[in-house]
Amino acid sequence: MPRTAILYARSQRHDALDRQVRELEDWCDRSGVVPVGTIAEVALGIRASKRCHAVLAEVAAGRADLVVVRDVSRLSENHDQLRRIIDEHWPRIAISRDDADPFR
């Protein structure tokens, strides 16, 4: 059975969101992963952090196998918080960027 994923895109600009979502969908197609949801938001700071944590919690609860992001910076802009997210959720995070994939 193929793995499933929630796609998470975040940017400060609407036009960048469309590009991110397409890239995440393309990654899923190439990787044989089935998207079961997409969260795309224009957000910064605390608001983005809260929504990202909600998506990670959904994946941890079994709604999907993975959360797919373009880059680890989409998970958090705070380095300490990012380290905690990676430590806790590392097996459930997939990075779509082909040029830098430090977690796989």
N, C-alpha and C. Protein backbone atom coordinates (compact mmCIF):
# COMPACT_ATOMS: atom_id res chain seq x y z
N MET A 1 0.84 -1.18 0.00
CA MET A 1 0.00 0.00 0.00
C MET A 1 0.89 1.24 0.00
N PRO A 2 0.60 2.25 -0.85
CA PRO A 2 1.44 3.44 -0.92
C PRO A 2 1.32 4.28 0.35
N ARG A 3 2.39 5.00 0.63
CA ARG A 3 2.37 5.94 1.75
C ARG A 3 1.48 7.12 1.41
N THR A 4 0.95 7.75 2.45
CA THR A 4 0.08 8.92 2.27
C THR A 4 0.76 10.13 2.91
N ALA A 5 0.31 11.33 2.48
CA ALA A 5 0.94 12.55 2.98
C ALA A 5 -0.03 13.71 3.03
N ILE A 6 0.23 14.59 3.98
CA ILE A 6 -0.40 15.90 4.00
C ILE A 6 0.66 16.86 3.49
N LEU A 7 0.32 17.64 2.48
CA LEU A 7 1.24 18.61 1.90
C LEU A 7 1.10 19.91 2.66
N TYR A 8 2.23 20.51 3.06
CA TYR A 8 2.19 21.75 3.82
C TYR A 8 3.06 22.80 3.13
N ALA A 9 2.41 23.84 2.64
CA ALA A 9 3.11 24.95 1.97
C ALA A 9 2.83 26.22 2.75
N ARG A 10 3.87 27.02 2.95
CA ARG A 10 3.72 28.30 3.65
C ARG A 10 4.64 29.32 2.99
N SER A 11 4.10 30.51 2.82
CA SER A 11 4.88 31.59 2.23
C SER A 11 4.32 32.93 2.68
N GLN A 12 5.08 33.95 2.44
CA GLN A 12 4.61 35.31 2.70
C GLN A 12 3.79 35.84 1.53
N ARG A 13 3.84 35.14 0.38
CA ARG A 13 3.17 35.61 -0.84
C ARG A 13 2.30 34.52 -1.43
N HIS A 14 1.12 34.91 -1.92
CA HIS A 14 0.19 33.96 -2.53
C HIS A 14 0.78 33.27 -3.76
N ASP A 15 1.49 34.03 -4.61
CA ASP A 15 2.00 33.43 -5.84
C ASP A 15 3.02 32.32 -5.56
N ALA A 16 3.76 32.43 -4.48
CA ALA A 16 4.73 31.40 -4.12
C ALA A 16 4.03 30.13 -3.63
N LEU A 17 2.86 30.26 -3.06
CA LEU A 17 2.13 29.09 -2.58
C LEU A 17 1.76 28.14 -3.70
N ASP A 18 1.25 28.67 -4.79
CA ASP A 18 0.87 27.82 -5.93
C ASP A 18 2.07 27.02 -6.42
N ARG A 19 3.21 27.67 -6.53
CA ARG A 19 4.43 27.02 -6.99
C ARG A 19 4.85 25.92 -6.01
N GLN A 20 4.79 26.21 -4.71
CA GLN A 20 5.14 25.22 -3.70
C GLN A 20 4.23 24.00 -3.77
N VAL A 21 2.93 24.24 -3.86
CA VAL A 21 1.97 23.13 -3.89
C VAL A 21 2.22 22.25 -5.12
N ARG A 22 2.45 22.86 -6.28
CA ARG A 22 2.75 22.08 -7.49
C ARG A 22 4.01 21.23 -7.29
N GLU A 23 5.02 21.81 -6.69
CA GLU A 23 6.26 21.08 -6.43
C GLU A 23 6.01 19.90 -5.48
N LEU A 24 5.23 20.11 -4.45
CA LEU A 24 4.92 19.04 -3.50
C LEU A 24 4.12 17.92 -4.18
N GLU A 25 3.16 18.30 -5.01
CA GLU A 25 2.38 17.31 -5.76
C GLU A 25 3.27 16.51 -6.72
N ASP A 26 4.18 17.21 -7.39
CA ASP A 26 5.11 16.54 -8.31
C ASP A 26 6.00 15.54 -7.55
N TRP A 27 6.48 15.96 -6.38
CA TRP A 27 7.31 15.08 -5.57
C TRP A 27 6.53 13.82 -5.20
N CYS A 28 5.28 13.99 -4.80
CA CYS A 28 4.45 12.83 -4.46
C CYS A 28 4.29 11.90 -5.65
N ASP A 29 4.03 12.46 -6.83
CA ASP A 29 3.89 11.64 -8.03
C ASP A 29 5.17 10.83 -8.28
N ARG A 30 6.32 11.48 -8.20
CA ARG A 30 7.60 10.80 -8.46
C ARG A 30 7.91 9.75 -7.39
N SER A 31 7.45 9.99 -6.16
CA SER A 31 7.80 9.13 -5.03
C SER A 31 6.76 8.06 -4.74
N GLY A 32 5.64 8.09 -5.44
CA GLY A 32 4.61 7.11 -5.19
C GLY A 32 3.84 7.34 -3.90
N VAL A 33 3.79 8.58 -3.46
CA VAL A 33 3.09 8.95 -2.24
C VAL A 33 1.75 9.57 -2.62
N VAL A 34 0.69 9.21 -1.90
CA VAL A 34 -0.66 9.69 -2.20
C VAL A 34 -1.01 10.85 -1.27
N PRO A 35 -1.22 12.05 -1.81
CA PRO A 35 -1.64 13.18 -0.97
C PRO A 35 -3.07 12.96 -0.46
N VAL A 36 -3.28 13.17 0.83
CA VAL A 36 -4.63 13.06 1.41
C VAL A 36 -5.13 14.41 1.91
N GLY A 37 -4.30 15.43 1.79
CA GLY A 37 -4.69 16.77 2.19
C GLY A 37 -3.60 17.76 1.85
N THR A 38 -4.00 19.00 1.68
CA THR A 38 -3.05 20.08 1.39
C THR A 38 -3.40 21.27 2.26
N ILE A 39 -2.40 21.78 2.95
CA ILE A 39 -2.53 23.01 3.72
C ILE A 39 -1.58 24.01 3.08
N ALA A 40 -2.12 25.10 2.56
CA ALA A 40 -1.31 26.15 1.94
C ALA A 40 -1.75 27.47 2.54
N GLU A 41 -0.81 28.18 3.16
CA GLU A 41 -1.20 29.41 3.83
C GLU A 41 -0.15 30.49 3.69
N VAL A 42 -0.65 31.71 3.64
CA VAL A 42 0.20 32.88 3.71
C VAL A 42 0.28 33.22 5.19
N ALA A 43 1.47 33.03 5.76
CA ALA A 43 1.60 33.23 7.20
C ALA A 43 3.04 33.45 7.59
N LEU A 44 3.21 34.06 8.73
CA LEU A 44 4.51 34.31 9.33
C LEU A 44 4.47 33.92 10.80
N GLY A 45 5.61 33.67 11.36
CA GLY A 45 5.80 33.58 12.80
C GLY A 45 4.88 32.64 13.55
N ILE A 46 4.27 33.16 14.62
CA ILE A 46 3.49 32.36 15.56
C ILE A 46 2.32 31.67 14.86
N ARG A 47 1.60 32.38 14.01
CA ARG A 47 0.44 31.79 13.33
C ARG A 47 0.88 30.57 12.50
N ALA A 48 1.96 30.72 11.76
CA ALA A 48 2.45 29.61 10.96
C ALA A 48 2.89 28.47 11.85
N SER A 49 3.52 28.76 12.93
CA SER A 49 3.99 27.74 13.85
C SER A 49 2.82 26.92 14.40
N LYS A 50 1.74 27.57 14.77
CA LYS A 50 0.57 26.86 15.32
C LYS A 50 -0.03 25.94 14.28
N ARG A 51 -0.18 26.40 13.05
CA ARG A 51 -0.78 25.57 12.00
C ARG A 51 0.13 24.40 11.65
N CYS A 52 1.42 24.64 11.60
CA CYS A 52 2.37 23.58 11.31
C CYS A 52 2.29 22.49 12.39
N HIS A 53 2.23 22.90 13.64
CA HIS A 53 2.11 21.92 14.73
C HIS A 53 0.83 21.11 14.60
N ALA A 54 -0.24 21.74 14.16
CA ALA A 54 -1.51 21.02 13.97
C ALA A 54 -1.36 19.97 12.86
N VAL A 55 -0.68 20.33 11.78
CA VAL A 55 -0.46 19.38 10.68
C VAL A 55 0.41 18.21 11.17
N LEU A 56 1.48 18.51 11.88
CA LEU A 56 2.34 17.45 12.41
C LEU A 56 1.57 16.54 13.36
N ALA A 57 0.69 17.11 14.16
CA ALA A 57 -0.12 16.31 15.09
C ALA A 57 -1.06 15.39 14.32
N GLU A 58 -1.63 15.87 13.21
CA GLU A 58 -2.51 15.03 12.39
C GLU A 58 -1.75 13.83 11.83
N VAL A 59 -0.53 14.08 11.39
CA VAL A 59 0.29 12.99 10.85
C VAL A 59 0.67 12.03 11.97
N ALA A 60 1.07 12.56 13.12
CA ALA A 60 1.43 11.70 14.25
C ALA A 60 0.25 10.86 14.71
N ALA A 61 -0.96 11.38 14.56
CA ALA A 61 -2.17 10.65 14.96
C ALA A 61 -2.59 9.61 13.93
N GLY A 62 -1.92 9.56 12.78
CA GLY A 62 -2.19 8.53 11.80
C GLY A 62 -3.07 8.93 10.64
N ARG A 63 -3.42 10.22 10.52
CA ARG A 63 -4.22 10.65 9.36
C ARG A 63 -3.45 10.46 8.06
N ALA A 64 -2.13 10.53 8.14
CA ALA A 64 -1.26 10.31 6.98
C ALA A 64 0.07 9.78 7.50
N ASP A 65 0.87 9.25 6.59
CA ASP A 65 2.18 8.73 6.97
C ASP A 65 3.23 9.83 7.09
N LEU A 66 3.08 10.87 6.27
CA LEU A 66 4.10 11.91 6.17
C LEU A 66 3.50 13.30 6.10
N VAL A 67 4.28 14.29 6.47
CA VAL A 67 4.02 15.67 6.08
C VAL A 67 5.12 16.00 5.08
N VAL A 68 4.73 16.54 3.94
CA VAL A 68 5.70 16.87 2.89
C VAL A 68 5.81 18.39 2.81
N VAL A 69 7.03 18.89 2.94
CA VAL A 69 7.32 20.32 2.83
C VAL A 69 8.44 20.51 1.82
N ARG A 70 8.53 21.70 1.28
CA ARG A 70 9.59 21.97 0.31
C ARG A 70 10.95 22.04 0.98
N ASP A 71 10.97 22.57 2.17
CA ASP A 71 12.21 22.90 2.85
C ASP A 71 11.96 22.87 4.35
N VAL A 72 12.95 22.54 5.14
CA VAL A 72 12.74 22.52 6.59
C VAL A 72 12.32 23.86 7.15
N SER A 73 12.66 24.95 6.47
CA SER A 73 12.27 26.28 6.96
C SER A 73 10.76 26.46 6.96
N ARG A 74 10.03 25.63 6.22
CA ARG A 74 8.56 25.71 6.24
C ARG A 74 8.00 25.22 7.58
N LEU A 75 8.78 24.39 8.28
CA LEU A 75 8.32 23.86 9.57
C LEU A 75 8.43 24.89 10.69
N SER A 76 9.47 25.69 10.66
CA SER A 76 9.65 26.75 11.67
C SER A 76 10.78 27.66 11.24
N GLU A 77 10.65 28.92 11.58
CA GLU A 77 11.72 29.88 11.33
C GLU A 77 12.62 30.03 12.57
N ASN A 78 12.22 29.42 13.67
CA ASN A 78 12.98 29.47 14.91
C ASN A 78 13.84 28.21 14.99
N HIS A 79 15.16 28.39 15.10
CA HIS A 79 16.08 27.25 15.04
C HIS A 79 15.87 26.25 16.18
N ASP A 80 15.64 26.73 17.40
CA ASP A 80 15.42 25.82 18.52
C ASP A 80 14.13 25.02 18.33
N GLN A 81 13.09 25.71 17.89
CA GLN A 81 11.81 25.04 17.64
C GLN A 81 11.96 24.03 16.49
N LEU A 82 12.68 24.40 15.45
CA LEU A 82 12.90 23.50 14.32
C LEU A 82 13.62 22.23 14.78
N ARG A 83 14.62 22.35 15.61
CA ARG A 83 15.35 21.19 16.13
C ARG A 83 14.40 20.28 16.91
N ARG A 84 13.51 20.85 17.74
CA ARG A 84 12.54 20.04 18.50
C ARG A 84 11.58 19.33 17.56
N ILE A 85 11.12 20.03 16.53
CA ILE A 85 10.20 19.41 15.56
C ILE A 85 10.89 18.24 14.86
N ILE A 86 12.10 18.44 14.43
CA ILE A 86 12.84 17.38 13.74
C ILE A 86 13.09 16.21 14.69
N ASP A 87 13.49 16.50 15.91
CA ASP A 87 13.74 15.42 16.87
C ASP A 87 12.48 14.59 17.12
N GLU A 88 11.34 15.23 17.22
CA GLU A 88 10.10 14.54 17.54
C GLU A 88 9.45 13.87 16.32
N HIS A 89 9.51 14.52 15.16
CA HIS A 89 8.73 14.08 14.00
C HIS A 89 9.57 13.57 12.84
N TRP A 90 10.86 13.46 13.00
CA TRP A 90 11.76 13.15 11.89
C TRP A 90 11.30 12.03 10.98
N PRO A 91 10.80 10.90 11.48
CA PRO A 91 10.40 9.82 10.56
C PRO A 91 9.16 10.15 9.72
N ARG A 92 8.44 11.20 10.10
CA ARG A 92 7.19 11.56 9.41
C ARG A 92 7.33 12.81 8.54
N ILE A 93 8.56 13.28 8.33
CA ILE A 93 8.80 14.49 7.54
C ILE A 93 9.49 14.11 6.23
N ALA A 94 8.96 14.60 5.12
CA ALA A 94 9.61 14.42 3.82
C ALA A 94 9.87 15.80 3.22
N ILE A 95 11.05 15.97 2.66
CA ILE A 95 11.46 17.23 2.06
C ILE A 95 11.44 17.05 0.54
N SER A 96 10.74 17.93 -0.16
CA SER A 96 10.58 17.76 -1.61
C SER A 96 11.74 18.31 -2.43
N ARG A 97 12.54 19.17 -1.87
CA ARG A 97 13.65 19.75 -2.64
C ARG A 97 14.62 18.69 -3.08
N ASP A 98 14.94 18.67 -4.34
CA ASP A 98 15.89 17.71 -4.88
C ASP A 98 17.34 18.10 -4.59
N ASP A 99 17.60 19.38 -4.42
CA ASP A 99 18.98 19.84 -4.31
C ASP A 99 19.55 19.76 -2.91
N ALA A 100 18.72 19.60 -1.89
CA ALA A 100 19.21 19.51 -0.54
C ALA A 100 18.22 18.73 0.30
N ASP A 101 18.55 17.51 0.62
CA ASP A 101 17.63 16.65 1.38
C ASP A 101 18.38 16.04 2.54
N PRO A 102 18.57 16.79 3.63
CA PRO A 102 19.42 16.31 4.73
C PRO A 102 18.78 15.22 5.57
N PHE A 103 17.50 14.93 5.38
CA PHE A 103 16.82 13.99 6.27
C PHE A 103 16.55 12.64 5.65
N ARG A 104 16.83 12.43 4.40
CA ARG A 104 16.55 11.15 3.75
C ARG A 104 17.80 10.62 3.08
